[in-house]
Amino acid sequence: MRSMEETYLWVEKYRPRKLDDIVLPEERRKIFQQWIKQKDLPHCLFYGGPGSGKSTIAQILVDNLIKNKGDVLYLSGSVHNGVDIIRNLCADFASTPRYSECPKIIYIDEGDYLTPAAQAAFRSISEEFHDNARFIVTGNFFYKFTEAVISRLQCYEFKKLPFEFVQNYIFSVLEKENIKYKKDSVTKIIQMFYPDVRRILNTLQSRTYEGVLSEDINNIEVSEDIILSFINDLFTNLNNDNQGGCLKTINSLISQLNEREINYVSIYERLFFEINTPFWSRIIINDYFDKHTSSCASPSMNFMACVYKIYNMGIAYNKTRKNI
């Protein structure tokens, strides 16, 4: 395995490694520094939207507290979200002796994907093995955690990083990599994907060849915008009672989903809050968004189920409107 200095991907190579590298309220910074100094921490939950730095802070704490890899267990809540994982794997890990002074750490990223049964199992394990192990849990959606779980965690909300900080960070990466670029082009890409630092860096790196960043950003397609344009077309065709146009749009949408990596959370949120979404479709969008963030095995299939439900509801709404 290559060291971080040898890592090719910018997003990993330049991931902040110290608390001083992250924008934090000073009181919170002192709390985290105290945890590192005393080699101990409580069970804690870091929650907030993408790009807020919660996962980075969690990793910094793990790196500073854990000196033996055998004392940390990493889990992705979007994958390892069942009750058996918590009841068996976490319990087995938490019950074994630790190698160092600091308690062992179970780090569950995307913990808001844990099932209700898994969260119920978490309660007893966090209490039973408290002397030997601690949980660090991160998640986007605070409301997805049960009250019983929240009461056993110290909760810290993370807001998105300031635009100026993200901008300075991105330009510092380009300077360290000795990349030739035009400031206006980089700024537009930052604005396009802010606050998702990972996506900004990956986009810039993918457009860099032999130390030069491409100046042409006109052909950068924002997948979410493209998907939303198809949904807008669907609403337009539904409003005009054009079923043939609806089906053509849906077929085109399916082909786009197969070709792109989609941030479905962004899609659902923008459908609900930003674009001119018909009132009758908002409940459908909310229901499928809830399924996506709780028990969704296939995000693309869940999203298309939402689209088909909107289509069928739109057809039914048009029939009702004609009979009035």
C-alpha atoms as a PDB file:
ATOM      1  CA  MET A   1       0.000   0.000   0.000  1.00  0.00           C
ATOM      2  CA  ARG A   2       1.336   3.433  -0.915  1.00  0.00           C
ATOM      3  CA  SER A   3       1.789   6.093   1.758  1.00  0.00           C
ATOM      4  CA  MET A   4      -0.344   9.215   1.655  1.00  0.00           C
ATOM      5  CA  GLU A   5       2.596  11.135   0.173  1.00  0.00           C
ATOM      6  CA  GLU A   6       2.621   8.682  -2.730  1.00  0.00           C
ATOM      7  CA  THR A   7      -1.145   8.631  -3.244  1.00  0.00           C
ATOM      8  CA  TYR A   8      -2.095   9.634  -6.774  1.00  0.00           C
ATOM      9  CA  LEU A   9      -5.609  10.874  -6.016  1.00  0.00           C
ATOM     10  CA  TRP A  10      -5.616  14.500  -4.906  1.00  0.00           C
ATOM     11  CA  VAL A  11      -8.674  14.010  -2.715  1.00  0.00           C
ATOM     12  CA  GLU A  12      -6.725  11.556  -0.541  1.00  0.00           C
ATOM     13  CA  LYS A  13      -3.298  13.105  -0.874  1.00  0.00           C
ATOM     14  CA  TYR A  14      -4.518  16.463   0.433  1.00  0.00           C
ATOM     15  CA  ARG A  15      -7.109  15.315   2.945  1.00  0.00           C
ATOM     16  CA  PRO A  16      -6.617  17.415   6.131  1.00  0.00           C
ATOM     17  CA  ARG A  17      -4.680  15.483   8.808  1.00  0.00           C
ATOM     18  CA  LYS A  18      -4.820  17.940  11.707  1.00  0.00           C
ATOM     19  CA  LEU A  19      -7.532  19.853  13.550  1.00  0.00           C
ATOM     20  CA  ASP A  20      -5.771  23.091  12.644  1.00  0.00           C
ATOM     21  CA  ASP A  21      -6.397  22.348   8.962  1.00  0.00           C
ATOM     22  CA  ILE A  22     -10.187  22.439   9.416  1.00  0.00           C
ATOM     23  CA  VAL A  23     -12.557  25.363   9.954  1.00  0.00           C
ATOM     24  CA  LEU A  24     -14.119  24.799  13.387  1.00  0.00           C
ATOM     25  CA  PRO A  25     -15.706  26.908  16.124  1.00  0.00           C
ATOM     26  CA  GLU A  26     -12.941  27.504  18.657  1.00  0.00           C
ATOM     27  CA  GLU A  27     -14.875  25.916  21.522  1.00  0.00           C
ATOM     28  CA  ARG A  28     -15.395  22.752  19.521  1.00  0.00           C
ATOM     29  CA  ARG A  29     -11.746  22.653  18.479  1.00  0.00           C
ATOM     30  CA  LYS A  30     -10.753  22.775  22.167  1.00  0.00           C
ATOM     31  CA  ILE A  31     -13.107  19.886  22.947  1.00  0.00           C
ATOM     32  CA  PHE A  32     -11.586  17.678  20.244  1.00  0.00           C
ATOM     33  CA  GLN A  33      -8.057  18.662  21.274  1.00  0.00           C
ATOM     34  CA  GLN A  34      -8.884  17.673  24.843  1.00  0.00           C
ATOM     35  CA  TRP A  35     -10.054  14.242  23.658  1.00  0.00           C
ATOM     36  CA  ILE A  36      -6.750  13.709  21.875  1.00  0.00           C
ATOM     37  CA  LYS A  37      -4.753  14.935  24.878  1.00  0.00           C
ATOM     38  CA  GLN A  38      -6.540  12.708  27.386  1.00  0.00           C
ATOM     39  CA  LYS A  39      -6.549   9.738  24.973  1.00  0.00           C
ATOM     40  CA  ASP A  40     -10.261   9.206  25.444  1.00  0.00           C
ATOM     41  CA  LEU A  41     -13.544  10.350  23.959  1.00  0.00           C
ATOM     42  CA  PRO A  42     -17.283   9.790  24.454  1.00  0.00           C
ATOM     43  CA  HIS A  43     -19.621   8.019  22.085  1.00  0.00           C
ATOM     44  CA  CYS A  44     -20.267  10.784  19.559  1.00  0.00           C
ATOM     45  CA  LEU A  45     -22.355  11.651  16.514  1.00  0.00           C
ATOM     46  CA  PHE A  46     -21.200  14.077  13.834  1.00  0.00           C
ATOM     47  CA  TYR A  47     -24.025  15.094  11.512  1.00  0.00           C
ATOM     48  CA  GLY A  48     -24.467  17.567   8.656  1.00  0.00           C
ATOM     49  CA  GLY A  49     -24.590  17.795   4.890  1.00  0.00           C
ATOM     50  CA  PRO A  50     -21.939  16.715   2.368  1.00  0.00           C
ATOM     51  CA  GLY A  51     -18.827  18.866   2.454  1.00  0.00           C
ATOM     52  CA  SER A  52     -19.194  19.896   6.092  1.00  0.00           C
ATOM     53  CA  GLY A  53     -16.041  18.099   7.274  1.00  0.00           C
ATOM     54  CA  LYS A  54     -17.639  15.614   9.660  1.00  0.00           C
ATOM     55  CA  SER A  55     -15.974  12.520   8.178  1.00  0.00           C
ATOM     56  CA  THR A  56     -12.632  14.315   8.020  1.00  0.00           C
ATOM     57  CA  ILE A  57     -12.835  15.230  11.709  1.00  0.00           C
ATOM     58  CA  ALA A  58     -13.795  11.643  12.576  1.00  0.00           C
ATOM     59  CA  GLN A  59     -10.747  10.352  10.677  1.00  0.00           C
ATOM     60  CA  ILE A  60      -8.444  12.896  12.337  1.00  0.00           C
ATOM     61  CA  LEU A  61      -9.626  11.748  15.756  1.00  0.00           C
ATOM     62  CA  VAL A  62      -9.122   8.091  14.867  1.00  0.00           C
ATOM     63  CA  ASP A  63      -5.630   8.759  13.486  1.00  0.00           C
ATOM     64  CA  ASN A  64      -4.589  10.704  16.574  1.00  0.00           C
ATOM     65  CA  LEU A  65      -6.089   8.373  19.167  1.00  0.00           C
ATOM     66  CA  ILE A  66      -5.488   4.919  17.718  1.00  0.00           C
ATOM     67  CA  LYS A  67      -1.898   3.704  17.494  1.00  0.00           C
ATOM     68  CA  ASN A  68      -2.655   0.074  16.603  1.00  0.00           C
ATOM     69  CA  LYS A  69      -4.901  -0.799  13.645  1.00  0.00           C
ATOM     70  CA  GLY A  70      -6.357  -3.623  15.683  1.00  0.00           C
ATOM     71  CA  ASP A  71      -8.090  -1.069  17.880  1.00  0.00           C
ATOM     72  CA  VAL A  72     -10.324   0.455  15.195  1.00  0.00           C
ATOM     73  CA  LEU A  73     -13.259  -1.012  13.260  1.00  0.00           C
ATOM     74  CA  TYR A  74     -14.510   0.859  10.181  1.00  0.00           C
ATOM     75  CA  LEU A  75     -18.061   0.292   8.969  1.00  0.00           C
ATOM     76  CA  SER A  76     -20.150   1.905   6.237  1.00  0.00           C
ATOM     77  CA  GLY A  77     -23.710   2.278   7.418  1.00  0.00           C
ATOM     78  CA  SER A  78     -24.977   2.257   3.834  1.00  0.00           C
ATOM     79  CA  VAL A  79     -23.623  -1.298   3.488  1.00  0.00           C
ATOM     80  CA  HIS A  80     -23.271  -2.710   7.010  1.00  0.00           C
ATOM     81  CA  ASN A  81     -26.615  -1.509   8.320  1.00  0.00           C
ATOM     82  CA  GLY A  82     -28.282  -4.677   9.625  1.00  0.00           C
ATOM     83  CA  VAL A  83     -28.862  -5.725  13.191  1.00  0.00           C
ATOM     84  CA  ASP A  84     -26.524  -8.728  12.918  1.00  0.00           C
ATOM     85  CA  ILE A  85     -23.569  -6.463  12.089  1.00  0.00           C
ATOM     86  CA  ILE A  86     -24.126  -4.408  15.227  1.00  0.00           C
ATOM     87  CA  ARG A  87     -25.121  -7.309  17.446  1.00  0.00           C
ATOM     88  CA  ASN A  88     -22.309  -9.653  16.382  1.00  0.00           C
ATOM     89  CA  LEU A  89     -19.405  -7.881  14.661  1.00  0.00           C
ATOM     90  CA  CYS A  90     -19.450  -4.743  16.812  1.00  0.00           C
ATOM     91  CA  ALA A  91     -20.042  -6.663  20.027  1.00  0.00           C
ATOM     92  CA  ASP A  92     -17.231  -9.121  19.284  1.00  0.00           C
ATOM     93  CA  PHE A  93     -14.830  -6.301  18.475  1.00  0.00           C
ATOM     94  CA  ALA A  94     -15.795  -4.217  21.514  1.00  0.00           C
ATOM     95  CA  SER A  95     -15.448  -7.149  23.902  1.00  0.00           C
ATOM     96  CA  THR A  96     -11.850  -8.104  23.012  1.00  0.00           C
ATOM     97  CA  PRO A  97      -8.863  -6.566  24.836  1.00  0.00           C
ATOM     98  CA  ARG A  98      -7.389  -3.391  23.382  1.00  0.00           C
ATOM     99  CA  TYR A  99      -3.758  -2.856  22.450  1.00  0.00           C
ATOM    100  CA  SER A 100      -3.315   0.712  23.683  1.00  0.00           C
ATOM    101  CA  GLU A 101      -4.300   3.187  26.348  1.00  0.00           C
ATOM    102  CA  CYS A 102      -7.157   4.700  24.381  1.00  0.00           C
ATOM    103  CA  PRO A 103     -10.436   2.769  24.145  1.00  0.00           C
ATOM    104  CA  LYS A 104     -11.051   0.953  20.877  1.00  0.00           C
ATOM    105  CA  ILE A 105     -13.065   2.901  18.309  1.00  0.00           C
ATOM    106  CA  ILE A 106     -15.942   1.679  16.162  1.00  0.00           C
ATOM    107  CA  TYR A 107     -16.314   4.239  13.375  1.00  0.00           C
ATOM    108  CA  ILE A 108     -19.647   3.999  11.534  1.00  0.00           C
ATOM    109  CA  ASP A 109     -19.769   6.304   8.527  1.00  0.00           C
ATOM    110  CA  GLU A 110     -23.223   7.044   7.039  1.00  0.00           C
ATOM    111  CA  GLY A 111     -24.767   5.825  10.280  1.00  0.00           C
ATOM    112  CA  ASP A 112     -28.128   7.307   9.314  1.00  0.00           C
ATOM    113  CA  TYR A 113     -28.567   4.238   7.081  1.00  0.00           C
ATOM    114  CA  LEU A 114     -28.684   1.899  10.105  1.00  0.00           C
ATOM    115  CA  THR A 115     -31.985   0.072  10.339  1.00  0.00           C
ATOM    116  CA  PRO A 116     -34.227   0.636  13.387  1.00  0.00           C
ATOM    117  CA  ALA A 117     -33.326  -2.856  14.621  1.00  0.00           C
ATOM    118  CA  ALA A 118     -29.598  -2.080  14.265  1.00  0.00           C
ATOM    119  CA  GLN A 119     -30.070   1.152  16.182  1.00  0.00           C
ATOM    120  CA  ALA A 120     -31.870  -0.760  18.921  1.00  0.00           C
ATOM    121  CA  ALA A 121     -28.928  -3.173  19.181  1.00  0.00           C
ATOM    122  CA  PHE A 122     -26.526  -0.224  19.273  1.00  0.00           C
ATOM    123  CA  ARG A 123     -28.068   1.021  22.515  1.00  0.00           C
ATOM    124  CA  SER A 124     -27.167  -2.014  24.593  1.00  0.00           C
ATOM    125  CA  ILE A 125     -23.706  -2.506  23.048  1.00  0.00           C
ATOM    126  CA  SER A 126     -22.682   1.124  23.577  1.00  0.00           C
ATOM    127  CA  GLU A 127     -23.548   0.748  27.257  1.00  0.00           C
ATOM    128  CA  GLU A 128     -22.275  -2.788  27.892  1.00  0.00           C
ATOM    129  CA  PHE A 129     -18.787  -2.214  26.425  1.00  0.00           C
ATOM    130  CA  HIS A 130     -18.376   1.470  27.253  1.00  0.00           C
ATOM    131  CA  ASP A 131     -15.220   0.884  29.314  1.00  0.00           C
ATOM    132  CA  ASN A 132     -13.423  -0.767  26.408  1.00  0.00           C
ATOM    133  CA  ALA A 133     -14.793   0.790  23.192  1.00  0.00           C
ATOM    134  CA  ARG A 134     -16.309   3.992  21.842  1.00  0.00           C
ATOM    135  CA  PHE A 135     -18.503   4.712  18.848  1.00  0.00           C
ATOM    136  CA  ILE A 136     -17.933   7.546  16.380  1.00  0.00           C
ATOM    137  CA  VAL A 137     -20.967   7.826  14.108  1.00  0.00           C
ATOM    138  CA  THR A 138     -21.359  10.196  11.158  1.00  0.00           C
ATOM    139  CA  GLY A 139     -24.475  10.907   9.123  1.00  0.00           C
ATOM    140  CA  ASN A 140     -26.204  13.478   6.955  1.00  0.00           C
ATOM    141  CA  PHE A 141     -29.646  13.317   8.546  1.00  0.00           C
ATOM    142  CA  PHE A 142     -30.052  13.810  12.287  1.00  0.00           C
ATOM    143  CA  TYR A 143     -33.741  12.894  12.208  1.00  0.00           C
ATOM    144  CA  LYS A 144     -32.893   9.380  11.022  1.00  0.00           C
ATOM    145  CA  PHE A 145     -31.444   8.502  14.430  1.00  0.00           C
ATOM    146  CA  THR A 146     -33.810   7.309  17.153  1.00  0.00           C
ATOM    147  CA  GLU A 147     -34.120   9.234  20.400  1.00  0.00           C
ATOM    148  CA  ALA A 148     -32.706   6.260  22.279  1.00  0.00           C
ATOM    149  CA  VAL A 149     -29.516   6.347  20.178  1.00  0.00           C
ATOM    150  CA  ILE A 150     -29.182  10.135  20.317  1.00  0.00           C
ATOM    151  CA  SER A 151     -29.411  10.084  24.117  1.00  0.00           C
ATOM    152  CA  ARG A 152     -26.314   7.839  24.248  1.00  0.00           C
ATOM    153  CA  LEU A 153     -24.198  10.046  21.972  1.00  0.00           C
ATOM    154  CA  GLN A 154     -22.677  13.486  22.248  1.00  0.00           C
ATOM    155  CA  CYS A 155     -24.040  15.170  19.133  1.00  0.00           C
ATOM    156  CA  TYR A 156     -22.230  17.798  17.056  1.00  0.00           C
ATOM    157  CA  GLU A 157     -23.732  19.483  14.024  1.00  0.00           C
ATOM    158  CA  PHE A 158     -21.416  20.354  11.131  1.00  0.00           C
ATOM    159  CA  LYS A 159     -22.400  23.057   8.685  1.00  0.00           C
ATOM    160  CA  LYS A 160     -20.956  23.333   5.186  1.00  0.00           C
ATOM    161  CA  LEU A 161     -17.475  24.795   4.986  1.00  0.00           C
ATOM    162  CA  PRO A 162     -17.264  28.507   4.046  1.00  0.00           C
ATOM    163  CA  PHE A 163     -16.932  29.093   0.327  1.00  0.00           C
ATOM    164  CA  GLU A 164     -13.752  31.152   0.806  1.00  0.00           C
ATOM    165  CA  PHE A 165     -12.114  28.324   2.755  1.00  0.00           C
ATOM    166  CA  VAL A 166     -12.999  25.768   0.072  1.00  0.00           C
ATOM    167  CA  GLN A 167     -11.755  28.108  -2.655  1.00  0.00           C
ATOM    168  CA  ASN A 168      -8.414  28.734  -0.906  1.00  0.00           C
ATOM    169  CA  TYR A 169      -8.005  25.009  -0.248  1.00  0.00           C
ATOM    170  CA  ILE A 170      -8.610  24.103  -3.905  1.00  0.00           C
ATOM    171  CA  PHE A 171      -6.164  26.697  -5.185  1.00  0.00           C
ATOM    172  CA  SER A 172      -3.544  25.523  -2.662  1.00  0.00           C
ATOM    173  CA  VAL A 173      -3.840  21.968  -4.029  1.00  0.00           C
ATOM    174  CA  LEU A 174      -3.328  23.197  -7.593  1.00  0.00           C
ATOM    175  CA  GLU A 175      -0.274  25.206  -6.506  1.00  0.00           C
ATOM    176  CA  LYS A 176       1.252  22.236  -4.672  1.00  0.00           C
ATOM    177  CA  GLU A 177       0.736  20.086  -7.768  1.00  0.00           C
ATOM    178  CA  ASN A 178       2.326  22.792  -9.948  1.00  0.00           C
ATOM    179  CA  ILE A 179      -0.722  22.886 -12.195  1.00  0.00           C
ATOM    180  CA  LYS A 180      -1.065  25.626 -14.806  1.00  0.00           C
ATOM    181  CA  TYR A 181      -4.628  26.976 -14.713  1.00  0.00           C
ATOM    182  CA  LYS A 182      -6.839  29.977 -15.286  1.00  0.00           C
ATOM    183  CA  LYS A 183      -8.376  31.264 -12.081  1.00  0.00           C
ATOM    184  CA  ASP A 184     -11.780  32.002 -13.652  1.00  0.00           C
ATOM    185  CA  SER A 185     -12.140  28.426 -14.910  1.00  0.00           C
ATOM    186  CA  VAL A 186     -11.310  26.954 -11.508  1.00  0.00           C
ATOM    187  CA  THR A 187     -13.656  29.350  -9.708  1.00  0.00           C
ATOM    188  CA  LYS A 188     -16.543  28.339 -11.994  1.00  0.00           C
ATOM    189  CA  ILE A 189     -15.931  24.651 -11.251  1.00  0.00           C
ATOM    190  CA  ILE A 190     -15.854  25.379  -7.518  1.00  0.00           C
ATOM    191  CA  GLN A 191     -19.136  27.274  -7.800  1.00  0.00           C
ATOM    192  CA  MET A 192     -20.603  24.430  -9.829  1.00  0.00           C
ATOM    193  CA  PHE A 193     -19.992  21.732  -7.206  1.00  0.00           C
ATOM    194  CA  TYR A 194     -19.652  23.624  -3.898  1.00  0.00           C
ATOM    195  CA  PRO A 195     -19.630  22.455  -1.097  1.00  0.00           C
ATOM    196  CA  ASP A 196     -18.623  18.983  -2.330  1.00  0.00           C
ATOM    197  CA  VAL A 197     -14.820  19.293  -2.081  1.00  0.00           C
ATOM    198  CA  ARG A 198     -14.292  15.681  -3.179  1.00  0.00           C
ATOM    199  CA  ARG A 199     -16.209  16.247  -6.393  1.00  0.00           C
ATOM    200  CA  ILE A 200     -14.417  19.538  -7.090  1.00  0.00           C
ATOM    201  CA  LEU A 201     -10.984  17.939  -6.744  1.00  0.00           C
ATOM    202  CA  ASN A 202     -11.909  14.872  -8.776  1.00  0.00           C
ATOM    203  CA  THR A 203     -13.303  17.079 -11.565  1.00  0.00           C
ATOM    204  CA  LEU A 204     -10.172  19.234 -11.657  1.00  0.00           C
ATOM    205  CA  GLN A 205      -7.835  16.237 -11.612  1.00  0.00           C
ATOM    206  CA  SER A 206      -9.770  14.488 -14.378  1.00  0.00           C
ATOM    207  CA  ARG A 207      -9.328  17.563 -16.580  1.00  0.00           C
ATOM    208  CA  THR A 208      -5.594  17.963 -15.944  1.00  0.00           C
ATOM    209  CA  TYR A 209      -3.066  16.572 -18.427  1.00  0.00           C
ATOM    210  CA  GLU A 210       0.711  16.978 -18.193  1.00  0.00           C
ATOM    211  CA  GLY A 211       0.369  19.677 -15.563  1.00  0.00           C
ATOM    212  CA  VAL A 212      -2.155  21.827 -17.428  1.00  0.00           C
ATOM    213  CA  LEU A 213      -5.827  22.250 -16.500  1.00  0.00           C
ATOM    214  CA  SER A 214      -8.178  22.391 -19.458  1.00  0.00           C
ATOM    215  CA  GLU A 215      -9.665  25.863 -19.893  1.00  0.00           C
ATOM    216  CA  ASP A 216     -12.834  24.595 -21.549  1.00  0.00           C
ATOM    217  CA  ILE A 217     -15.468  24.033 -18.862  1.00  0.00           C
ATOM    218  CA  ASN A 218     -18.453  24.351 -21.189  1.00  0.00           C
ATOM    219  CA  ASN A 219     -18.617  20.597 -21.689  1.00  0.00           C
ATOM    220  CA  ILE A 220     -18.687  19.770 -17.965  1.00  0.00           C
ATOM    221  CA  GLU A 221     -22.045  18.181 -17.486  1.00  0.00           C
ATOM    222  CA  VAL A 222     -23.527  18.299 -14.008  1.00  0.00           C
ATOM    223  CA  SER A 223     -25.352  14.991 -13.826  1.00  0.00           C
ATOM    224  CA  GLU A 224     -27.967  16.231 -11.380  1.00  0.00           C
ATOM    225  CA  ASP A 225     -28.865  19.181 -13.626  1.00  0.00           C
ATOM    226  CA  ILE A 226     -29.289  16.844 -16.590  1.00  0.00           C
ATOM    227  CA  ILE A 227     -31.542  14.500 -14.623  1.00  0.00           C
ATOM    228  CA  LEU A 228     -33.608  17.419 -13.343  1.00  0.00           C
ATOM    229  CA  SER A 229     -34.040  18.698 -16.897  1.00  0.00           C
ATOM    230  CA  PHE A 230     -35.652  15.357 -17.829  1.00  0.00           C
ATOM    231  CA  ILE A 231     -37.961  15.576 -14.803  1.00  0.00           C
ATOM    232  CA  ASN A 232     -38.952  19.084 -15.860  1.00  0.00           C
ATOM    233  CA  ASP A 233     -39.742  17.704 -19.319  1.00  0.00           C
ATOM    234  CA  LEU A 234     -41.842  14.995 -17.691  1.00  0.00           C
ATOM    235  CA  PHE A 235     -43.854  17.570 -15.738  1.00  0.00           C
ATOM    236  CA  THR A 236     -44.339  19.632 -18.895  1.00  0.00           C
ATOM    237  CA  ASN A 237     -45.600  16.625 -20.848  1.00  0.00           C
ATOM    238  CA  LEU A 238     -47.887  15.645 -17.975  1.00  0.00           C
ATOM    239  CA  ASN A 239     -49.281  19.175 -17.840  1.00  0.00           C
ATOM    240  CA  ASN A 240     -49.983  18.965 -21.595  1.00  0.00           C
ATOM    241  CA  ASP A 241     -51.444  15.455 -21.198  1.00  0.00           C
ATOM    242  CA  ASN A 242     -48.824  14.166 -23.646  1.00  0.00           C
ATOM    243  CA  GLN A 243     -48.395  10.531 -22.591  1.00  0.00           C
ATOM    244  CA  GLY A 244     -46.222   9.703 -25.586  1.00  0.00           C
ATOM    245  CA  GLY A 245     -43.836  12.518 -24.655  1.00  0.00           C
ATOM    246  CA  CYS A 246     -43.803  11.289 -21.059  1.00  0.00           C
ATOM    247  CA  LEU A 247     -42.768   7.768 -22.038  1.00  0.00           C
ATOM    248  CA  LYS A 248     -40.083   9.066 -24.394  1.00  0.00           C
ATOM    249  CA  THR A 249     -38.675  11.238 -21.596  1.00  0.00           C
ATOM    250  CA  ILE A 250     -38.700   8.336 -19.130  1.00  0.00           C
ATOM    251  CA  ASN A 251     -36.818   6.087 -21.564  1.00  0.00           C
ATOM    252  CA  SER A 252     -34.202   8.808 -22.098  1.00  0.00           C
ATOM    253  CA  LEU A 253     -33.922   9.266 -18.354  1.00  0.00           C
ATOM    254  CA  ILE A 254     -33.236   5.565 -17.816  1.00  0.00           C
ATOM    255  CA  SER A 255     -30.349   5.657 -20.293  1.00  0.00           C
ATOM    256  CA  GLN A 256     -28.860   8.661 -18.479  1.00  0.00           C
ATOM    257  CA  LEU A 257     -29.030   6.932 -15.094  1.00  0.00           C
ATOM    258  CA  ASN A 258     -27.138   3.965 -16.502  1.00  0.00           C
ATOM    259  CA  GLU A 259     -24.315   6.220 -17.715  1.00  0.00           C
ATOM    260  CA  ARG A 260     -23.840   8.572 -14.754  1.00  0.00           C
ATOM    261  CA  GLU A 261     -22.944   8.705 -11.097  1.00  0.00           C
ATOM    262  CA  ILE A 262     -25.858  10.528  -9.469  1.00  0.00           C
ATOM    263  CA  ASN A 263     -26.164  12.293  -6.135  1.00  0.00           C
ATOM    264  CA  TYR A 264     -29.739  11.202  -5.488  1.00  0.00           C
ATOM    265  CA  VAL A 265     -30.003  13.116  -2.216  1.00  0.00           C
ATOM    266  CA  SER A 266     -29.400  16.334  -4.156  1.00  0.00           C
ATOM    267  CA  ILE A 267     -31.968  15.306  -6.772  1.00  0.00           C
ATOM    268  CA  TYR A 268     -34.721  14.665  -4.215  1.00  0.00           C
ATOM    269  CA  GLU A 269     -33.989  17.854  -2.291  1.00  0.00           C
ATOM    270  CA  ARG A 270     -33.945  20.025  -5.391  1.00  0.00           C
ATOM    271  CA  LEU A 271     -37.113  18.416  -6.719  1.00  0.00           C
ATOM    272  CA  PHE A 272     -38.870  19.146  -3.454  1.00  0.00           C
ATOM    273  CA  PHE A 273     -37.584  22.658  -2.769  1.00  0.00           C
ATOM    274  CA  GLU A 274     -36.111  24.319  -5.847  1.00  0.00           C
ATOM    275  CA  ILE A 275     -37.709  23.560  -9.194  1.00  0.00           C
ATOM    276  CA  ASN A 276     -41.339  24.212 -10.128  1.00  0.00           C
ATOM    277  CA  THR A 277     -42.609  20.856  -8.879  1.00  0.00           C
ATOM    278  CA  PRO A 278     -46.411  20.297  -8.959  1.00  0.00           C
ATOM    279  CA  PHE A 279     -47.892  20.175  -5.470  1.00  0.00           C
ATOM    280  CA  TRP A 280     -49.396  16.716  -5.965  1.00  0.00           C
ATOM    281  CA  SER A 281     -45.958  15.154  -6.600  1.00  0.00           C
ATOM    282  CA  ARG A 282     -44.188  16.456  -3.482  1.00  0.00           C
ATOM    283  CA  ILE A 283     -45.578  13.761  -1.183  1.00  0.00           C
ATOM    284  CA  ILE A 284     -44.355  11.086  -3.621  1.00  0.00           C
ATOM    285  CA  ILE A 285     -40.898  12.658  -3.739  1.00  0.00           C
ATOM    286  CA  ASN A 286     -40.759  12.829   0.049  1.00  0.00           C
ATOM    287  CA  ASP A 287     -41.765   9.154   0.385  1.00  0.00           C
ATOM    288  CA  TYR A 288     -39.087   7.904  -2.017  1.00  0.00           C
ATOM    289  CA  PHE A 289     -36.477  10.214  -0.519  1.00  0.00           C
ATOM    290  CA  ASP A 290     -37.263   8.625   2.843  1.00  0.00           C
ATOM    291  CA  LYS A 291     -36.834   5.160   1.326  1.00  0.00           C
ATOM    292  CA  HIS A 292     -33.526   6.229  -0.233  1.00  0.00           C
ATOM    293  CA  THR A 293     -32.097   7.357   3.114  1.00  0.00           C
ATOM    294  CA  SER A 294     -33.356   4.423   5.159  1.00  0.00           C
ATOM    295  CA  SER A 295     -33.775   1.090   3.395  1.00  0.00           C
ATOM    296  CA  CYS A 296     -32.802   1.503  -0.261  1.00  0.00           C
ATOM    297  CA  ALA A 297     -30.906  -1.398  -1.857  1.00  0.00           C
ATOM    298  CA  SER A 298     -30.694   0.189  -5.328  1.00  0.00           C
ATOM    299  CA  PRO A 299     -30.813   4.032  -5.469  1.00  0.00           C
ATOM    300  CA  SER A 300     -31.400   4.097  -9.241  1.00  0.00           C
ATOM    301  CA  MET A 301     -34.300   1.621  -9.057  1.00  0.00           C
ATOM    302  CA  ASN A 302     -35.797   3.535  -6.136  1.00  0.00           C
ATOM    303  CA  PHE A 303     -35.570   6.773  -8.100  1.00  0.00           C
ATOM    304  CA  MET A 304     -37.179   5.269 -11.198  1.00  0.00           C
ATOM    305  CA  ALA A 305     -39.970   3.870  -9.016  1.00  0.00           C
ATOM    306  CA  CYS A 306     -40.500   7.452  -7.849  1.00  0.00           C
ATOM    307  CA  VAL A 307     -40.615   8.658 -11.478  1.00  0.00           C
ATOM    308  CA  TYR A 308     -43.145   5.990 -12.475  1.00  0.00           C
ATOM    309  CA  LYS A 309     -45.289   6.860  -9.449  1.00  0.00           C
ATOM    310  CA  ILE A 310     -45.195  10.539 -10.467  1.00  0.00           C
ATOM    311  CA  TYR A 311     -46.142   9.588 -14.032  1.00  0.00           C
ATOM    312  CA  ASN A 312     -49.107   7.453 -12.943  1.00  0.00           C
ATOM    313  CA  MET A 313     -50.264  10.057 -10.430  1.00  0.00           C
ATOM    314  CA  GLY A 314     -49.982  12.767 -13.100  1.00  0.00           C
ATOM    315  CA  ILE A 315     -52.130  10.781 -15.522  1.00  0.00           C
ATOM    316  CA  ALA A 316     -54.737  10.205 -12.790  1.00  0.00           C
ATOM    317  CA  TYR A 317     -54.649  13.904 -11.847  1.00  0.00           C
ATOM    318  CA  ASN A 318     -55.277  14.903 -15.473  1.00  0.00           C
ATOM    319  CA  LYS A 319     -58.301  12.593 -15.675  1.00  0.00           C
ATOM    320  CA  THR A 320     -59.716  14.124 -12.514  1.00  0.00           C
ATOM    321  CA  ARG A 321     -59.089  17.620 -13.819  1.00  0.00           C
ATOM    322  CA  LYS A 322     -60.974  16.836 -17.063  1.00  0.00           C
ATOM    323  CA  ASN A 323     -64.011  15.601 -15.149  1.00  0.00           C
ATOM    324  CA  ILE A 324     -64.309  18.760 -13.087  1.00  0.00           C
END
